[in-house]
Protein backbone atom coordinates (compact mmCIF):
# COMPACT_ATOMS: atom_id res chain seq x y z
CA MET A 1 5.04 18.11 -15.06
CA PRO A 2 8.10 16.27 -14.34
CA PHE A 3 7.78 12.30 -13.93
CA ALA A 4 8.02 11.23 -10.14
CA ARG A 5 11.49 9.65 -9.47
CA ARG A 6 13.02 8.07 -6.37
CA TRP A 7 14.33 10.82 -3.75
CA ARG A 8 17.97 10.70 -3.34
CA PRO A 9 19.82 12.47 -0.54
CA HIS A 10 21.26 15.34 -2.82
CA ASP A 11 17.98 16.19 -3.65
CA GLY A 12 15.87 19.56 -2.66
CA PRO A 13 12.76 19.90 -1.95
CA ARG A 14 10.29 19.43 -4.91
CA HIS A 15 7.21 21.84 -5.22
CA SER A 16 8.95 23.89 -2.52
CA ALA A 17 6.71 26.73 -3.12
CA ARG A 18 3.87 25.07 -2.29
CA THR A 19 4.94 22.54 0.55
CA ASN A 20 6.49 25.15 2.94
CA THR A 21 3.87 25.05 5.75
CA TYR A 22 5.59 22.39 7.90
CA HIS A 23 8.78 24.01 10.02
CA LEU A 24 8.65 22.46 13.52
CA LYS A 25 11.56 20.26 13.94
CA ARG A 26 11.90 17.65 16.61
CA ASP A 27 13.73 14.55 17.97
CA ILE A 28 11.85 12.32 15.84
CA MET A 29 13.16 9.16 17.23
CA ASN A 30 11.87 10.22 20.65
CA LYS A 31 8.15 9.89 19.27
CA THR A 32 5.76 7.17 20.08
CA VAL A 33 4.35 5.15 16.92
CA GLY A 34 0.80 4.03 17.12
CA MET A 35 -0.05 1.69 14.50
CA ILE A 36 -3.57 0.75 13.06
CA GLY A 37 -3.52 -2.66 10.95
CA VAL A 38 -0.97 -5.27 12.11
CA GLY A 39 -2.09 -7.61 8.90
CA LEU A 40 0.28 -9.09 6.44
CA MET A 41 1.87 -6.00 5.70
CA GLY A 42 1.50 -4.51 8.55
CA HIS A 43 3.05 -7.05 11.02
CA GLY A 44 6.31 -6.80 9.03
CA ILE A 45 6.27 -2.99 9.33
CA ALA A 46 5.53 -3.15 13.11
CA SER A 47 8.19 -5.78 13.46
CA ASN A 48 10.84 -3.46 11.82
CA ILE A 49 9.76 -0.56 13.90
CA VAL A 50 10.16 -2.00 17.18
CA LYS A 51 13.22 -3.86 16.45
CA LYS A 52 15.01 -0.65 15.40
CA GLY A 53 14.28 0.95 18.64
CA TRP A 54 10.83 2.88 18.15
CA THR A 55 8.50 3.06 21.09
CA LEU A 56 5.49 1.32 19.27
CA HIS A 57 2.01 0.98 20.35
CA PHE A 58 -0.58 -0.70 18.41
CA LEU A 59 -4.35 -1.54 18.09
CA ASN A 60 -5.98 -5.01 18.92
CA HIS A 61 -7.88 -5.94 16.23
CA PRO A 62 -9.33 -9.57 15.00
CA GLY A 63 -7.36 -8.84 11.63
CA ASN A 64 -4.10 -8.58 12.88
CA GLN A 65 -1.96 -11.44 12.29
CA PRO A 66 -0.42 -12.98 15.73
CA THR A 67 1.48 -10.24 17.77
CA ALA A 68 3.16 -12.17 20.80
CA ASP A 69 6.59 -11.44 18.95
CA LEU A 70 5.79 -7.55 18.91
CA LEU A 71 4.82 -7.91 22.86
CA ALA A 72 7.66 -9.61 23.68
CA GLN A 73 10.05 -6.88 21.96
CA GLY A 74 8.35 -4.23 24.07
CA ALA A 75 5.41 -3.06 22.06
CA ARG A 76 2.03 -2.14 23.73
CA ALA A 77 -1.45 -3.12 22.56
CA TYR A 78 -4.21 -0.91 22.93
CA ASP A 79 -8.06 -2.23 22.74
CA ASP A 80 -9.33 1.40 22.12
CA PRO A 81 -8.27 3.47 19.14
CA GLY A 82 -8.87 6.81 20.89
CA THR A 83 -6.71 5.66 23.85
CA LEU A 84 -4.24 4.66 21.46
CA ALA A 85 -4.17 7.94 19.37
CA ARG A 86 -3.98 9.80 22.51
CA SER A 87 -0.86 7.79 23.86
CA SER A 88 0.75 8.24 20.27
CA ASP A 89 2.55 11.13 18.52
CA ILE A 90 2.58 9.30 14.74
CA MET A 91 -0.37 7.43 13.95
CA LEU A 92 0.93 5.14 11.05
CA LEU A 93 -2.45 3.33 9.34
CA CYS A 94 -2.16 0.09 7.12
CA VAL A 95 -5.57 -0.90 6.49
CA THR A 96 -7.43 -1.98 3.55
CA GLY A 97 -8.63 1.12 1.75
CA SER A 98 -10.43 4.67 1.79
CA PRO A 99 -13.46 3.37 3.84
CA GLN A 100 -11.55 1.96 6.22
CA VAL A 101 -9.04 5.06 6.59
CA GLU A 102 -12.44 7.54 6.63
CA GLU A 103 -13.89 5.46 9.40
CA ILE A 104 -10.72 5.45 11.82
CA LEU A 105 -10.21 9.20 11.06
CA ASN A 106 -13.53 10.86 10.92
CA GLY A 107 -16.30 7.86 11.83
CA ALA A 108 -18.33 7.70 15.05
CA ALA A 109 -15.33 6.66 17.18
CA GLY A 110 -12.70 8.43 14.71
CA ILE A 111 -9.49 9.19 15.93
CA LEU A 112 -8.81 12.53 14.57
CA THR A 113 -10.80 14.33 17.40
CA GLU A 114 -8.20 12.80 19.58
CA LEU A 115 -5.10 13.78 17.62
CA THR A 116 -3.53 17.39 19.22
CA PRO A 117 -2.10 19.89 16.93
CA GLY A 118 1.63 18.54 15.85
CA LYS A 119 0.62 14.98 15.65
CA ILE A 120 1.18 13.07 12.56
CA VAL A 121 -0.67 10.70 10.49
CA ILE A 122 0.95 8.63 7.86
CA ASP A 123 -1.67 6.48 5.93
CA CYS A 124 0.19 3.43 4.15
CA SER A 125 -3.04 2.17 2.98
CA THR A 126 -3.98 1.81 -0.99
CA ALA A 127 -6.62 4.75 -1.07
CA ILE A 128 -8.80 6.95 -3.31
CA PRO A 129 -6.77 10.13 -3.88
CA SER A 130 -9.69 12.15 -3.60
CA SER A 131 -10.23 11.07 -0.35
CA THR A 132 -6.70 11.26 0.77
CA VAL A 133 -6.95 15.23 0.25
CA LYS A 134 -10.05 15.81 1.93
CA LEU A 135 -8.84 13.74 5.37
CA ALA A 136 -5.65 15.56 5.03
CA ALA A 137 -7.32 19.18 4.89
CA ALA A 138 -9.60 17.93 7.68
CA ALA A 139 -6.28 17.03 9.66
CA GLU A 140 -4.31 20.24 8.97
CA ALA A 141 -7.34 22.13 10.33
CA ARG A 142 -6.91 20.76 13.43
CA GLY A 143 -3.10 21.06 13.12
CA VAL A 144 -2.29 17.49 12.48
CA HIS A 145 -0.14 16.82 9.69
CA PHE A 146 -0.74 13.94 7.06
CA LEU A 147 1.30 11.99 4.51
CA ASP A 148 0.01 9.77 2.17
CA SER A 149 3.03 6.71 2.02
CA ALA A 150 1.41 4.02 -0.03
CA MET A 151 3.29 0.74 -0.36
CA THR A 152 4.45 -1.71 -3.01
CA ARG A 153 6.02 -5.42 -2.64
CA THR A 154 4.74 -8.17 -0.83
CA PRO A 155 4.76 -9.44 3.24
CA LYS A 156 7.88 -10.99 2.60
CA GLU A 157 9.46 -7.52 1.92
CA ALA A 158 8.06 -6.00 4.76
CA ALA A 159 9.00 -8.57 6.99
CA GLU A 160 12.48 -7.80 5.70
CA GLY A 161 12.34 -3.96 6.02
CA ARG A 162 12.51 -3.56 2.21
CA LEU A 163 9.23 -2.22 1.02
CA ASN A 164 8.99 0.58 -1.43
CA LEU A 165 7.08 3.54 -0.31
CA LEU A 166 5.34 6.51 -2.45
CA ILE A 167 5.10 9.39 -0.60
CA GLY A 168 2.48 12.45 -0.89
CA GLY A 169 2.39 15.35 1.28
CA ASP A 170 4.62 18.60 2.84
CA HIS A 171 8.52 17.89 1.69
CA ALA A 172 9.78 19.45 5.02
CA LEU A 173 7.43 16.77 7.02
CA PHE A 174 8.75 14.07 4.76
CA GLU A 175 12.30 14.93 5.66
CA GLU A 176 11.55 14.68 9.31
CA ILE A 177 9.80 11.29 9.13
CA LYS A 178 12.15 9.83 7.08
CA PRO A 179 14.17 8.11 9.63
CA LEU A 180 11.00 6.20 10.64
CA LEU A 181 10.02 5.17 7.02
CA GLN A 182 13.43 3.75 6.28
CA THR A 183 13.07 1.35 9.55
CA PHE A 184 10.88 -0.75 7.12
CA ALA A 185 11.40 0.79 3.48
CA GLU A 186 14.47 0.00 0.96
CA ASN A 187 13.17 3.16 -1.75
CA LEU A 188 11.56 6.11 -0.85
CA PHE A 189 9.77 8.02 -3.92
CA TYR A 190 8.52 11.47 -2.88
CA ALA A 191 5.70 12.10 -5.53
CA GLY A 192 4.70 15.49 -4.46
CA PRO A 193 1.70 17.18 -2.75
CA VAL A 194 -0.94 14.98 -0.37
CA GLY A 195 -2.20 12.65 -2.45
CA SER A 196 0.23 12.06 -4.78
CA GLY A 197 1.80 8.95 -3.22
CA HIS A 198 -1.88 7.06 -3.56
CA LYS A 199 -2.04 8.39 -7.18
CA LEU A 200 1.27 6.72 -7.91
CA LYS A 201 0.31 3.62 -5.84
CA LEU A 202 -2.79 3.30 -7.97
CA LEU A 203 -0.74 3.87 -11.38
CA HIS A 204 1.82 1.16 -10.10
CA ASN A 205 -0.98 -1.41 -9.26
CA TYR A 206 -2.89 -1.04 -12.65
CA VAL A 207 0.27 -2.02 -14.37
CA SER A 208 1.38 -4.85 -12.02
CA LEU A 209 -2.45 -6.18 -11.49
CA GLY A 210 -3.33 -5.86 -15.27
CA SER A 211 0.02 -7.55 -16.44
CA ILE A 212 -0.87 -10.78 -14.12
CA ILE A 213 -4.33 -10.71 -15.56
CA LEU A 214 -2.83 -10.43 -19.26
CA LEU A 215 -0.52 -13.52 -18.38
CA SER A 216 -3.05 -15.54 -16.79
CA GLU A 217 -5.59 -15.53 -19.84
CA ALA A 218 -2.53 -16.12 -22.13
CA ALA A 219 -1.72 -18.92 -19.84
CA VAL A 220 -5.04 -20.53 -20.11
CA CYS A 221 -5.38 -20.08 -23.83
CA ALA A 222 -1.79 -22.04 -23.95
CA LYS A 223 -2.78 -24.74 -21.95
CA GLN A 224 -6.61 -25.35 -24.16
CA GLY A 225 -3.83 -24.92 -26.98
CA ASP A 226 -1.86 -27.67 -25.91
CA ILE A 227 1.26 -25.34 -25.54
CA ALA A 228 3.76 -26.53 -23.03
CA MET A 229 3.72 -24.00 -20.13
CA ASP A 230 7.72 -24.13 -19.70
CA VAL A 231 7.93 -23.45 -23.38
CA LEU A 232 5.79 -20.65 -23.15
CA ILE A 233 7.53 -19.39 -19.93
CA ASP A 234 10.72 -19.63 -21.45
CA LEU A 235 9.88 -17.80 -24.79
CA LEU A 236 8.81 -14.71 -22.98
CA ARG A 237 11.49 -14.59 -20.50
CA LYS A 238 13.36 -14.45 -23.53
CA GLY A 239 11.36 -12.09 -25.77
CA GLY A 240 9.18 -9.08 -25.03
CA GLY A 241 6.97 -10.71 -22.21
CA TYR A 242 9.69 -10.50 -19.53
CA GLY A 243 8.96 -8.90 -16.50
CA ALA A 244 8.14 -8.91 -12.69
CA ALA A 245 4.50 -10.01 -13.16
CA LEU A 246 6.05 -13.17 -15.41
CA ASP A 247 8.45 -13.90 -12.32
CA ARG A 248 5.83 -13.99 -9.87
CA ILE A 249 3.18 -16.04 -11.74
CA SER A 250 5.72 -18.52 -13.00
CA PRO A 251 5.72 -20.76 -9.82
CA PHE A 252 2.37 -21.37 -9.82
CA LEU A 253 1.93 -22.14 -13.68
CA LEU A 254 5.13 -24.28 -13.56
CA GLU A 255 4.74 -25.97 -10.00
CA GLY A 256 1.29 -24.70 -8.54
CA ASP A 257 3.45 -22.58 -5.82
CA ASP A 258 0.78 -19.86 -5.13
CA SER A 259 2.94 -17.84 -2.51
CA LYS A 260 4.50 -15.34 -4.64
CA VAL A 261 1.72 -13.35 -4.92
CA ARG A 262 -0.12 -12.97 -1.32
CA PHE A 263 -2.74 -10.63 -2.57
CA SER A 264 -6.33 -11.76 -2.98
CA LEU A 265 -8.84 -11.39 -5.90
CA ARG A 266 -11.05 -9.39 -3.80
CA ASN A 267 -8.21 -6.71 -2.98
CA ALA A 268 -6.86 -6.77 -6.68
CA LEU A 269 -10.71 -5.62 -7.45
CA LYS A 270 -10.79 -3.00 -4.96
CA ASP A 271 -7.57 -1.44 -6.33
CA ILE A 272 -8.61 -1.39 -10.09
CA ARG A 273 -11.76 0.24 -9.00
CA TYR A 274 -10.04 2.95 -7.43
CA TYR A 275 -7.57 3.16 -10.24
CA THR A 276 -10.67 3.26 -13.14
CA THR A 277 -12.30 6.40 -10.52
CA MET A 278 -9.24 8.28 -10.31
CA ALA A 279 -8.72 7.88 -14.15
CA GLU A 280 -12.19 9.02 -14.76
CA GLY A 281 -11.69 11.86 -12.61
CA GLU A 282 -8.61 12.92 -14.56
CA GLY A 283 -10.16 12.40 -17.62
CA CYS A 284 -7.54 9.57 -18.96
CA PRO A 285 -8.36 6.90 -21.50
CA ARG A 286 -9.16 3.65 -19.27
CA ALA A 287 -10.73 0.88 -21.76
CA THR A 288 -8.10 -1.49 -20.93
CA ALA A 289 -8.22 -0.83 -17.27
CA LEU A 290 -12.07 -1.50 -17.58
CA GLY A 291 -11.62 -4.91 -19.06
CA VAL A 292 -9.13 -6.07 -16.52
CA LYS A 293 -12.16 -4.55 -14.06
CA ALA A 294 -14.56 -6.68 -15.69
CA THR A 295 -12.59 -9.74 -15.40
CA LEU A 296 -12.02 -9.47 -11.79
CA GLU A 297 -15.80 -8.69 -10.91
CA LYS A 298 -16.37 -11.88 -12.66
CA LEU A 299 -13.92 -13.71 -10.77
CA ASN A 300 -15.18 -12.14 -7.31
CA GLU A 301 -18.86 -13.01 -8.60
CA ALA A 302 -17.98 -16.52 -8.83
CA GLY A 303 -17.19 -16.25 -4.93
CA LEU A 304 -13.51 -16.72 -5.70
CA GLY A 305 -12.61 -13.49 -4.18
CA ASP A 306 -10.24 -15.02 -1.39
CA ALA A 307 -8.06 -16.61 -3.83
CA TYR A 308 -4.65 -15.44 -4.29
CA LEU A 309 -4.09 -13.04 -7.35
CA SER A 310 -1.10 -15.68 -8.49
CA THR A 311 -3.54 -18.44 -8.96
CA THR A 312 -5.71 -16.39 -11.42
CA PRO A 313 -5.00 -18.74 -14.40
CA GLU A 314 -6.74 -21.52 -12.43
CA GLN A 315 -9.81 -19.61 -11.30
CA LEU A 316 -10.29 -17.88 -14.95
CA GLY A 317 -10.80 -21.88 -15.87
CA LYS A 318 -13.43 -21.98 -13.27
CA LEU A 319 -15.68 -19.38 -15.22
């Protein structure tokens, strides 16, 4: 199977023989977007959607960031998810993971029964792919279309409209919904059928989170071995250890600035658990991933789950 790559304008549909089920063409800009999850990432997404002329409705929730700015720009808030779903053509979910998505769609107050045929669900959460496939099948059985659209990058890029989106689902649906996705994304990676976007996200996060854990352990060892941190970082930057993870953790190692990775150790553990579950299901080697998971489990069991990932070197010193 070819490796997934970023979609480019001249590309034809991939997996065209398998993803030919979506044919309805509509004026997508006239559709109302309903959003559940206006947190650190979701607020930036919502802000860009409404700034760029779309009609936005969202669910009031204690986990939301302040939403006065969205309301001032014309967005509308709802207290009931079912009412939100009935008033929206496209439901955009930006919540923590599979349990939350399952509850939103199929729980006691699930919105799937409120969505009429032709409506669209876009799941931007980090989720277990097998759960995504089941939810998509349940949606399609009701005539509701489903895309997984996992995100990478940080709240800063979300606010700037520069996220990476990793897309799984029908290619024709992806083509139609692309104008909405481009309001808050810089790069769109079409990965294949439903669930593929979430698979790609877990692969990305394993490499990204694993690299930060590796660098954190090295930093602790350097400190205990009386190696100057600036010298270690300079060497890594000029050698084989350079990469995005080093750029993100260096401000904390050098200056105590933990703002570059605003991602909790609790969420990091959740993502690595999702990855190891996926890898086991696919029959893939995962010994290193299990080691990363064990480290994150120790940090969380020590009550450090709320700490940012960028502070991992400091948190490891507390174990």
